[in-house]
Amino acid sequence: MTFYTVKLSFIIVEYHSIDEILICQRSILENISLEIPYEIIVSSNSVYPKNKQKELVEAYDTLKWVFNKSNGGFAYAMNQGLKAASGDVLIIMNPDIKLGDGFGKMLAYLLQNNSIGVIAPQIRSVQGKVQDSFRNFITPMNFLIRHFRRLTQKEKFKIPVAPIQVDWVIGAFMMMPRQAYDAVNGLDEHYFLYCEDMDLCKRMYQQKYSVVYYPEAWIEYEGTRSARHSRKYAFIFLKSLLYYWGKLGFY
């Protein structure tokens, strides 16, 4: 599989976010080489009525639409989009993301390294601040330590300047070869929100694939960190984390 024979599938989950989808689509168009075939799949959890679905398909016919029967959460919607994908390289991304520089370099790096299951770029805020978008697998101990440090001191994040292997990357943007996706059989739909990205990366390692953070490419993404500011989302996060520990262990 070479750079110009590979087909890309971008899969974006939509939940009452059409305007963001269109901005995201524009950034893809502006950053993808014309020689590389690709498709953009929108997996909608908005449960639009049939007339609205027809309207969207006709108005935005360059997008491939998947309309889900219910709002089953991020992992559920992403899997529906992934099932409809025909690409050799699958790209999971949030609708409120804009591609920056280095996308082609990251794709080439992936294609040159068959051991990679997931690769992800540097993530910057709208103001240009680099985000802590890769983590160690969450254990009970480092979970407590991280939250204690957050309360007592300012978090410090060392920014890598070269590609490095990491435990997991956040699911706002993940690029993976189809054979790796097939090996892990997609995302675990038991997660409504949170931890499905860590679970996916853990299972990549179980299948002898690696996870790579690639800072020579970047995207713009603000992120809300809802679980830090909402009891509702904090509960959803803890529920997902407990399921993850029960399924994959505390290490």
C-alpha atoms as a PDB file:
ATOM      1  CA  MET A   1       0.000   0.000   0.000  1.00  0.00           C
ATOM      2  CA  THR A   2       1.606   3.259  -1.153  1.00  0.00           C
ATOM      3  CA  PHE A   3       0.845   6.897  -0.442  1.00  0.00           C
ATOM      4  CA  TYR A   4      -1.098   7.480  -3.671  1.00  0.00           C
ATOM      5  CA  THR A   5      -2.978   4.171  -3.838  1.00  0.00           C
ATOM      6  CA  VAL A   6      -4.400   4.322  -0.311  1.00  0.00           C
ATOM      7  CA  LYS A   7      -7.995   5.422   0.209  1.00  0.00           C
ATOM      8  CA  LEU A   8      -8.922   7.414   3.312  1.00  0.00           C
ATOM      9  CA  SER A   9     -12.210   7.258   5.201  1.00  0.00           C
ATOM     10  CA  PHE A  10     -12.962  10.145   7.557  1.00  0.00           C
ATOM     11  CA  ILE A  11     -15.689   9.215  10.039  1.00  0.00           C
ATOM     12  CA  ILE A  12     -17.362  12.008  11.989  1.00  0.00           C
ATOM     13  CA  VAL A  13     -20.096  11.655  14.602  1.00  0.00           C
ATOM     14  CA  GLU A  14     -22.834  14.276  14.283  1.00  0.00           C
ATOM     15  CA  TYR A  15     -25.204  15.289  17.050  1.00  0.00           C
ATOM     16  CA  HIS A  16     -27.111  18.445  16.101  1.00  0.00           C
ATOM     17  CA  SER A  17     -23.859  19.877  14.764  1.00  0.00           C
ATOM     18  CA  ILE A  18     -24.316  20.379  11.018  1.00  0.00           C
ATOM     19  CA  ASP A  19     -22.488  23.718  11.001  1.00  0.00           C
ATOM     20  CA  GLU A  20     -19.444  22.128  12.664  1.00  0.00           C
ATOM     21  CA  ILE A  21     -19.546  19.251  10.173  1.00  0.00           C
ATOM     22  CA  LEU A  22     -19.363  21.687   7.261  1.00  0.00           C
ATOM     23  CA  ILE A  23     -16.415  23.559   8.789  1.00  0.00           C
ATOM     24  CA  CYS A  24     -14.688  20.236   9.419  1.00  0.00           C
ATOM     25  CA  GLN A  25     -15.345  19.144   5.833  1.00  0.00           C
ATOM     26  CA  ARG A  26     -13.831  22.366   4.524  1.00  0.00           C
ATOM     27  CA  SER A  27     -10.642  21.828   6.530  1.00  0.00           C
ATOM     28  CA  ILE A  28     -10.338  18.295   5.112  1.00  0.00           C
ATOM     29  CA  LEU A  29     -10.757  19.597   1.552  1.00  0.00           C
ATOM     30  CA  GLU A  30      -8.065  22.211   2.159  1.00  0.00           C
ATOM     31  CA  ASN A  31      -5.519  19.742   3.548  1.00  0.00           C
ATOM     32  CA  ILE A  32      -5.846  16.555   1.508  1.00  0.00           C
ATOM     33  CA  SER A  33      -3.843  16.039  -1.673  1.00  0.00           C
ATOM     34  CA  LEU A  34      -5.999  15.788  -4.770  1.00  0.00           C
ATOM     35  CA  GLU A  35      -4.188  12.560  -5.714  1.00  0.00           C
ATOM     36  CA  ILE A  36      -5.431  10.712  -2.618  1.00  0.00           C
ATOM     37  CA  PRO A  37      -8.958   9.251  -2.834  1.00  0.00           C
ATOM     38  CA  TYR A  38     -11.084   9.746   0.244  1.00  0.00           C
ATOM     39  CA  GLU A  39     -14.615   9.773   1.590  1.00  0.00           C
ATOM     40  CA  ILE A  40     -16.234  11.661   4.458  1.00  0.00           C
ATOM     41  CA  ILE A  41     -18.807   9.682   6.410  1.00  0.00           C
ATOM     42  CA  VAL A  42     -21.165  11.423   8.823  1.00  0.00           C
ATOM     43  CA  SER A  43     -22.704   9.111  11.416  1.00  0.00           C
ATOM     44  CA  SER A  44     -25.640  11.017  12.875  1.00  0.00           C
ATOM     45  CA  ASN A  45     -27.003  10.399  16.366  1.00  0.00           C
ATOM     46  CA  SER A  46     -29.486  13.267  16.051  1.00  0.00           C
ATOM     47  CA  VAL A  47     -32.444  10.969  15.171  1.00  0.00           C
ATOM     48  CA  TYR A  48     -33.714  13.338  12.494  1.00  0.00           C
ATOM     49  CA  PRO A  49     -37.128  12.620  10.928  1.00  0.00           C
ATOM     50  CA  LYS A  50     -37.107  11.120   7.426  1.00  0.00           C
ATOM     51  CA  ASN A  51     -37.822  14.425   5.693  1.00  0.00           C
ATOM     52  CA  LYS A  52     -34.859  16.074   7.447  1.00  0.00           C
ATOM     53  CA  GLN A  53     -32.613  13.142   6.508  1.00  0.00           C
ATOM     54  CA  LYS A  54     -33.630  13.470   2.848  1.00  0.00           C
ATOM     55  CA  GLU A  55     -32.987  17.200   2.985  1.00  0.00           C
ATOM     56  CA  LEU A  56     -29.486  16.720   4.400  1.00  0.00           C
ATOM     57  CA  VAL A  57     -28.552  14.029   1.843  1.00  0.00           C
ATOM     58  CA  GLU A  58     -29.677  16.255  -1.026  1.00  0.00           C
ATOM     59  CA  ALA A  59     -28.072  19.427   0.334  1.00  0.00           C
ATOM     60  CA  TYR A  60     -24.720  17.837   1.222  1.00  0.00           C
ATOM     61  CA  ASP A  61     -24.353  15.080  -1.325  1.00  0.00           C
ATOM     62  CA  THR A  62     -20.547  15.014  -1.151  1.00  0.00           C
ATOM     63  CA  LEU A  63     -20.893  13.526   2.333  1.00  0.00           C
ATOM     64  CA  LYS A  64     -21.825   9.898   2.979  1.00  0.00           C
ATOM     65  CA  TRP A  65     -24.603   9.856   5.571  1.00  0.00           C
ATOM     66  CA  VAL A  66     -25.423   7.200   8.155  1.00  0.00           C
ATOM     67  CA  PHE A  67     -28.561   7.974  10.170  1.00  0.00           C
ATOM     68  CA  ASN A  68     -28.711   6.028  13.414  1.00  0.00           C
ATOM     69  CA  LYS A  69     -32.026   4.974  14.915  1.00  0.00           C
ATOM     70  CA  SER A  70     -31.078   6.205  18.390  1.00  0.00           C
ATOM     71  CA  ASN A  71     -28.445   8.231  20.187  1.00  0.00           C
ATOM     72  CA  GLY A  72     -26.430   5.258  21.360  1.00  0.00           C
ATOM     73  CA  GLY A  73     -23.343   7.263  22.286  1.00  0.00           C
ATOM     74  CA  PHE A  74     -20.023   8.019  20.608  1.00  0.00           C
ATOM     75  CA  ALA A  75     -18.688   4.468  20.249  1.00  0.00           C
ATOM     76  CA  TYR A  76     -22.002   3.216  18.843  1.00  0.00           C
ATOM     77  CA  ALA A  77     -22.211   6.021  16.278  1.00  0.00           C
ATOM     78  CA  MET A  78     -18.569   5.707  15.300  1.00  0.00           C
ATOM     79  CA  ASN A  79     -18.939   1.963  14.706  1.00  0.00           C
ATOM     80  CA  GLN A  80     -21.921   2.572  12.411  1.00  0.00           C
ATOM     81  CA  GLY A  81     -19.806   4.968  10.368  1.00  0.00           C
ATOM     82  CA  LEU A  82     -16.813   2.630  10.362  1.00  0.00           C
ATOM     83  CA  LYS A  83     -18.975  -0.207   9.058  1.00  0.00           C
ATOM     84  CA  ALA A  84     -19.918   1.968   6.076  1.00  0.00           C
ATOM     85  CA  ALA A  85     -16.298   2.929   5.359  1.00  0.00           C
ATOM     86  CA  SER A  86     -14.472   1.574   2.315  1.00  0.00           C
ATOM     87  CA  GLY A  87     -11.042   3.100   2.996  1.00  0.00           C
ATOM     88  CA  ASP A  88      -7.701   1.435   3.681  1.00  0.00           C
ATOM     89  CA  VAL A  89      -6.981   3.995   6.410  1.00  0.00           C
ATOM     90  CA  LEU A  90      -9.754   4.950   8.826  1.00  0.00           C
ATOM     91  CA  ILE A  91      -9.809   8.328  10.555  1.00  0.00           C
ATOM     92  CA  ILE A  92     -11.965   8.939  13.601  1.00  0.00           C
ATOM     93  CA  MET A  93     -12.525  12.634  14.279  1.00  0.00           C
ATOM     94  CA  ASN A  94     -14.803  14.987  16.179  1.00  0.00           C
ATOM     95  CA  PRO A  95     -16.867  17.477  14.156  1.00  0.00           C
ATOM     96  CA  ASP A  96     -15.289  20.525  15.844  1.00  0.00           C
ATOM     97  CA  ILE A  97     -11.791  19.803  14.496  1.00  0.00           C
ATOM     98  CA  LYS A  98      -9.776  21.666  11.891  1.00  0.00           C
ATOM     99  CA  LEU A  99      -6.813  19.994  10.225  1.00  0.00           C
ATOM    100  CA  GLY A 100      -3.514  21.854  10.460  1.00  0.00           C
ATOM    101  CA  ASP A 101      -0.129  21.140   8.903  1.00  0.00           C
ATOM    102  CA  GLY A 102       1.594  17.782   8.571  1.00  0.00           C
ATOM    103  CA  PHE A 103      -1.314  15.491   7.730  1.00  0.00           C
ATOM    104  CA  GLY A 104       0.483  13.995   4.717  1.00  0.00           C
ATOM    105  CA  LYS A 105       3.650  13.393   6.752  1.00  0.00           C
ATOM    106  CA  MET A 106       1.671  11.573   9.428  1.00  0.00           C
ATOM    107  CA  LEU A 107      -0.081   9.400   6.846  1.00  0.00           C
ATOM    108  CA  ALA A 108       3.260   8.542   5.218  1.00  0.00           C
ATOM    109  CA  TYR A 109       4.720   7.637   8.626  1.00  0.00           C
ATOM    110  CA  LEU A 110       1.797   5.302   9.294  1.00  0.00           C
ATOM    111  CA  LEU A 111       2.148   3.595   5.918  1.00  0.00           C
ATOM    112  CA  GLN A 112       5.872   3.080   6.485  1.00  0.00           C
ATOM    113  CA  ASN A 113       5.349   1.387   9.869  1.00  0.00           C
ATOM    114  CA  ASN A 114       3.151  -1.713   9.764  1.00  0.00           C
ATOM    115  CA  SER A 115       3.289  -2.143  13.534  1.00  0.00           C
ATOM    116  CA  ILE A 116       1.229   1.009  14.213  1.00  0.00           C
ATOM    117  CA  GLY A 117      -2.418   0.450  15.106  1.00  0.00           C
ATOM    118  CA  VAL A 118      -3.305   4.049  15.986  1.00  0.00           C
ATOM    119  CA  ILE A 119      -1.504   7.304  15.252  1.00  0.00           C
ATOM    120  CA  ALA A 120      -2.613  10.758  16.386  1.00  0.00           C
ATOM    121  CA  PRO A 121      -1.328  14.310  15.850  1.00  0.00           C
ATOM    122  CA  GLN A 122      -0.536  17.089  18.249  1.00  0.00           C
ATOM    123  CA  ILE A 123      -3.689  18.903  19.351  1.00  0.00           C
ATOM    124  CA  ARG A 124      -3.719  22.685  19.752  1.00  0.00           C
ATOM    125  CA  SER A 125      -6.402  24.947  21.156  1.00  0.00           C
ATOM    126  CA  VAL A 126      -7.812  27.855  19.147  1.00  0.00           C
ATOM    127  CA  GLN A 127      -5.214  30.034  20.915  1.00  0.00           C
ATOM    128  CA  GLY A 128      -2.420  27.684  19.812  1.00  0.00           C
ATOM    129  CA  LYS A 129      -1.779  26.027  23.190  1.00  0.00           C
ATOM    130  CA  VAL A 130      -0.677  22.391  22.919  1.00  0.00           C
ATOM    131  CA  GLN A 131      -3.073  20.029  24.706  1.00  0.00           C
ATOM    132  CA  ASP A 132      -2.213  16.921  26.760  1.00  0.00           C
ATOM    133  CA  SER A 133      -3.792  14.565  24.250  1.00  0.00           C
ATOM    134  CA  PHE A 134      -1.913  11.371  25.134  1.00  0.00           C
ATOM    135  CA  ARG A 135      -1.914   9.632  28.503  1.00  0.00           C
ATOM    136  CA  ASN A 136      -0.781   6.618  30.483  1.00  0.00           C
ATOM    137  CA  PHE A 137      -3.422   3.936  30.911  1.00  0.00           C
ATOM    138  CA  ILE A 138      -5.560   4.992  33.878  1.00  0.00           C
ATOM    139  CA  THR A 139      -4.991   2.923  36.993  1.00  0.00           C
ATOM    140  CA  PRO A 140      -6.627   3.571  40.378  1.00  0.00           C
ATOM    141  CA  MET A 141      -3.306   4.933  41.691  1.00  0.00           C
ATOM    142  CA  ASN A 142      -2.453   7.333  38.872  1.00  0.00           C
ATOM    143  CA  PHE A 143      -6.112   8.407  38.725  1.00  0.00           C
ATOM    144  CA  LEU A 144      -5.903   9.561  42.351  1.00  0.00           C
ATOM    145  CA  ILE A 145      -2.475  11.130  41.900  1.00  0.00           C
ATOM    146  CA  ARG A 146      -3.554  13.070  38.802  1.00  0.00           C
ATOM    147  CA  HIS A 147      -6.623  14.509  40.518  1.00  0.00           C
ATOM    148  CA  PHE A 148      -4.643  15.371  43.660  1.00  0.00           C
ATOM    149  CA  ARG A 149      -2.079  17.257  41.569  1.00  0.00           C
ATOM    150  CA  ARG A 150      -4.852  19.032  39.703  1.00  0.00           C
ATOM    151  CA  LEU A 151      -6.194  20.336  43.014  1.00  0.00           C
ATOM    152  CA  THR A 152      -2.850  21.269  44.547  1.00  0.00           C
ATOM    153  CA  GLN A 153      -0.702  22.495  41.667  1.00  0.00           C
ATOM    154  CA  LYS A 154      -0.763  23.475  38.030  1.00  0.00           C
ATOM    155  CA  GLU A 155      -0.539  20.494  35.705  1.00  0.00           C
ATOM    156  CA  LYS A 156       2.680  20.262  33.707  1.00  0.00           C
ATOM    157  CA  PHE A 157       2.809  18.706  30.268  1.00  0.00           C
ATOM    158  CA  LYS A 158       6.082  17.930  28.513  1.00  0.00           C
ATOM    159  CA  ILE A 159       5.654  18.450  24.786  1.00  0.00           C
ATOM    160  CA  PRO A 160       7.427  15.822  22.617  1.00  0.00           C
ATOM    161  CA  VAL A 161       9.073  17.081  19.441  1.00  0.00           C
ATOM    162  CA  ALA A 162       9.385  13.701  17.680  1.00  0.00           C
ATOM    163  CA  PRO A 163       7.033  10.729  17.228  1.00  0.00           C
ATOM    164  CA  ILE A 164       6.821   8.589  20.367  1.00  0.00           C
ATOM    165  CA  GLN A 165       4.993   5.436  21.403  1.00  0.00           C
ATOM    166  CA  VAL A 166       2.384   6.114  24.085  1.00  0.00           C
ATOM    167  CA  ASP A 167      -0.252   4.157  26.005  1.00  0.00           C
ATOM    168  CA  TRP A 168      -3.280   5.887  24.496  1.00  0.00           C
ATOM    169  CA  VAL A 169      -4.418   8.983  22.639  1.00  0.00           C
ATOM    170  CA  ILE A 170      -7.729  10.770  23.016  1.00  0.00           C
ATOM    171  CA  GLY A 171     -10.446   9.892  20.511  1.00  0.00           C
ATOM    172  CA  ALA A 172     -10.874  13.399  19.111  1.00  0.00           C
ATOM    173  CA  PHE A 173      -8.660  12.311  16.205  1.00  0.00           C
ATOM    174  CA  MET A 174      -7.304   8.823  15.545  1.00  0.00           C
ATOM    175  CA  MET A 175      -5.869   7.410  12.322  1.00  0.00           C
ATOM    176  CA  MET A 176      -5.646   3.631  11.969  1.00  0.00           C
ATOM    177  CA  PRO A 177      -5.046   1.106   9.187  1.00  0.00           C
ATOM    178  CA  ARG A 178      -7.985  -1.105   8.349  1.00  0.00           C
ATOM    179  CA  GLN A 179      -6.172  -4.308   9.315  1.00  0.00           C
ATOM    180  CA  ALA A 180      -5.671  -2.966  12.847  1.00  0.00           C
ATOM    181  CA  TYR A 181      -9.318  -1.909  13.097  1.00  0.00           C
ATOM    182  CA  ASP A 182     -10.387  -5.369  11.919  1.00  0.00           C
ATOM    183  CA  ALA A 183      -8.088  -6.993  14.483  1.00  0.00           C
ATOM    184  CA  VAL A 184      -9.802  -5.246  17.422  1.00  0.00           C
ATOM    185  CA  ASN A 185     -13.300  -5.329  15.883  1.00  0.00           C
ATOM    186  CA  GLY A 186     -14.037  -1.649  16.379  1.00  0.00           C
ATOM    187  CA  LEU A 187     -14.978   0.315  19.472  1.00  0.00           C
ATOM    188  CA  ASP A 188     -16.722  -1.180  22.496  1.00  0.00           C
ATOM    189  CA  GLU A 189     -20.289   0.140  22.471  1.00  0.00           C
ATOM    190  CA  HIS A 190     -20.725  -0.431  26.222  1.00  0.00           C
ATOM    191  CA  TYR A 191     -19.157   3.017  26.595  1.00  0.00           C
ATOM    192  CA  PHE A 192     -21.650   5.822  25.988  1.00  0.00           C
ATOM    193  CA  LEU A 193     -18.948   8.471  26.409  1.00  0.00           C
ATOM    194  CA  TYR A 194     -15.370   8.422  27.701  1.00  0.00           C
ATOM    195  CA  CYS A 195     -12.765   5.637  27.930  1.00  0.00           C
ATOM    196  CA  GLU A 196     -13.704   4.034  24.593  1.00  0.00           C
ATOM    197  CA  ASP A 197     -10.512   5.558  23.147  1.00  0.00           C
ATOM    198  CA  MET A 198      -8.331   4.167  25.956  1.00  0.00           C
ATOM    199  CA  ASP A 199     -10.058   0.783  25.594  1.00  0.00           C
ATOM    200  CA  LEU A 200      -9.375   0.769  21.840  1.00  0.00           C
ATOM    201  CA  CYS A 201      -5.683   1.546  22.346  1.00  0.00           C
ATOM    202  CA  LYS A 202      -5.335  -1.112  25.046  1.00  0.00           C
ATOM    203  CA  ARG A 203      -6.806  -3.718  22.695  1.00  0.00           C
ATOM    204  CA  MET A 204      -4.438  -2.551  19.930  1.00  0.00           C
ATOM    205  CA  TYR A 205      -1.543  -3.467  22.195  1.00  0.00           C
ATOM    206  CA  GLN A 206      -3.145  -6.812  22.968  1.00  0.00           C
ATOM    207  CA  GLN A 207      -3.119  -7.476  19.214  1.00  0.00           C
ATOM    208  CA  LYS A 208       0.594  -6.516  19.001  1.00  0.00           C
ATOM    209  CA  TYR A 209       0.004  -3.084  17.471  1.00  0.00           C
ATOM    210  CA  SER A 210       1.482   0.138  18.856  1.00  0.00           C
ATOM    211  CA  VAL A 211      -0.028   3.575  19.494  1.00  0.00           C
ATOM    212  CA  VAL A 212       1.966   6.601  18.343  1.00  0.00           C
ATOM    213  CA  TYR A 213       1.760  10.305  19.115  1.00  0.00           C
ATOM    214  CA  TYR A 214       2.981  12.245  16.064  1.00  0.00           C
ATOM    215  CA  PRO A 215       3.734  15.899  16.964  1.00  0.00           C
ATOM    216  CA  GLU A 216       4.987  16.790  13.488  1.00  0.00           C
ATOM    217  CA  ALA A 217       1.315  17.101  12.477  1.00  0.00           C
ATOM    218  CA  TRP A 218      -1.288  19.107  14.344  1.00  0.00           C
ATOM    219  CA  ILE A 219      -5.015  19.776  14.472  1.00  0.00           C
ATOM    220  CA  GLU A 220      -7.044  22.529  16.111  1.00  0.00           C
ATOM    221  CA  TYR A 221      -9.479  21.321  18.746  1.00  0.00           C
ATOM    222  CA  GLU A 222     -10.655  23.011  21.890  1.00  0.00           C
ATOM    223  CA  GLY A 223     -12.413  20.197  23.750  1.00  0.00           C
ATOM    224  CA  THR A 224     -14.706  20.817  26.680  1.00  0.00           C
ATOM    225  CA  ARG A 225     -13.460  18.424  29.426  1.00  0.00           C
ATOM    226  CA  SER A 226     -17.110  18.179  30.458  1.00  0.00           C
ATOM    227  CA  ALA A 227     -16.448  15.650  33.206  1.00  0.00           C
ATOM    228  CA  ARG A 228     -14.444  18.267  35.116  1.00  0.00           C
ATOM    229  CA  HIS A 229     -17.309  20.724  35.276  1.00  0.00           C
ATOM    230  CA  SER A 230     -20.525  18.681  35.299  1.00  0.00           C
ATOM    231  CA  ARG A 231     -21.744  16.115  37.799  1.00  0.00           C
ATOM    232  CA  LYS A 232     -23.702  14.394  35.033  1.00  0.00           C
ATOM    233  CA  TYR A 233     -20.647  13.910  32.815  1.00  0.00           C
ATOM    234  CA  ALA A 234     -18.410  13.111  35.787  1.00  0.00           C
ATOM    235  CA  PHE A 235     -20.792  10.244  36.622  1.00  0.00           C
ATOM    236  CA  ILE A 236     -20.712   9.013  33.002  1.00  0.00           C
ATOM    237  CA  PHE A 237     -16.910   9.128  33.063  1.00  0.00           C
ATOM    238  CA  LEU A 238     -16.664   7.182  36.323  1.00  0.00           C
ATOM    239  CA  LYS A 239     -19.146   4.603  35.038  1.00  0.00           C
ATOM    240  CA  SER A 240     -17.038   4.143  31.899  1.00  0.00           C
ATOM    241  CA  LEU A 241     -13.813   3.952  33.899  1.00  0.00           C
ATOM    242  CA  LEU A 242     -15.196   1.283  36.233  1.00  0.00           C
ATOM    243  CA  TYR A 243     -16.343  -0.733  33.210  1.00  0.00           C
ATOM    244  CA  TYR A 244     -12.867  -0.383  31.667  1.00  0.00           C
ATOM    245  CA  TRP A 245     -11.155  -1.611  34.849  1.00  0.00           C
ATOM    246  CA  GLY A 246     -13.572  -4.517  35.129  1.00  0.00           C
ATOM    247  CA  LYS A 247     -12.968  -5.517  31.524  1.00  0.00           C
ATOM    248  CA  LEU A 248      -9.253  -4.869  30.999  1.00  0.00           C
ATOM    249  CA  GLY A 249      -7.796  -4.744  34.504  1.00  0.00           C
ATOM    250  CA  PHE A 250      -6.149  -2.166  36.724  1.00  0.00           C
ATOM    251  CA  TYR A 251      -2.809  -1.965  34.902  1.00  0.00           C
END
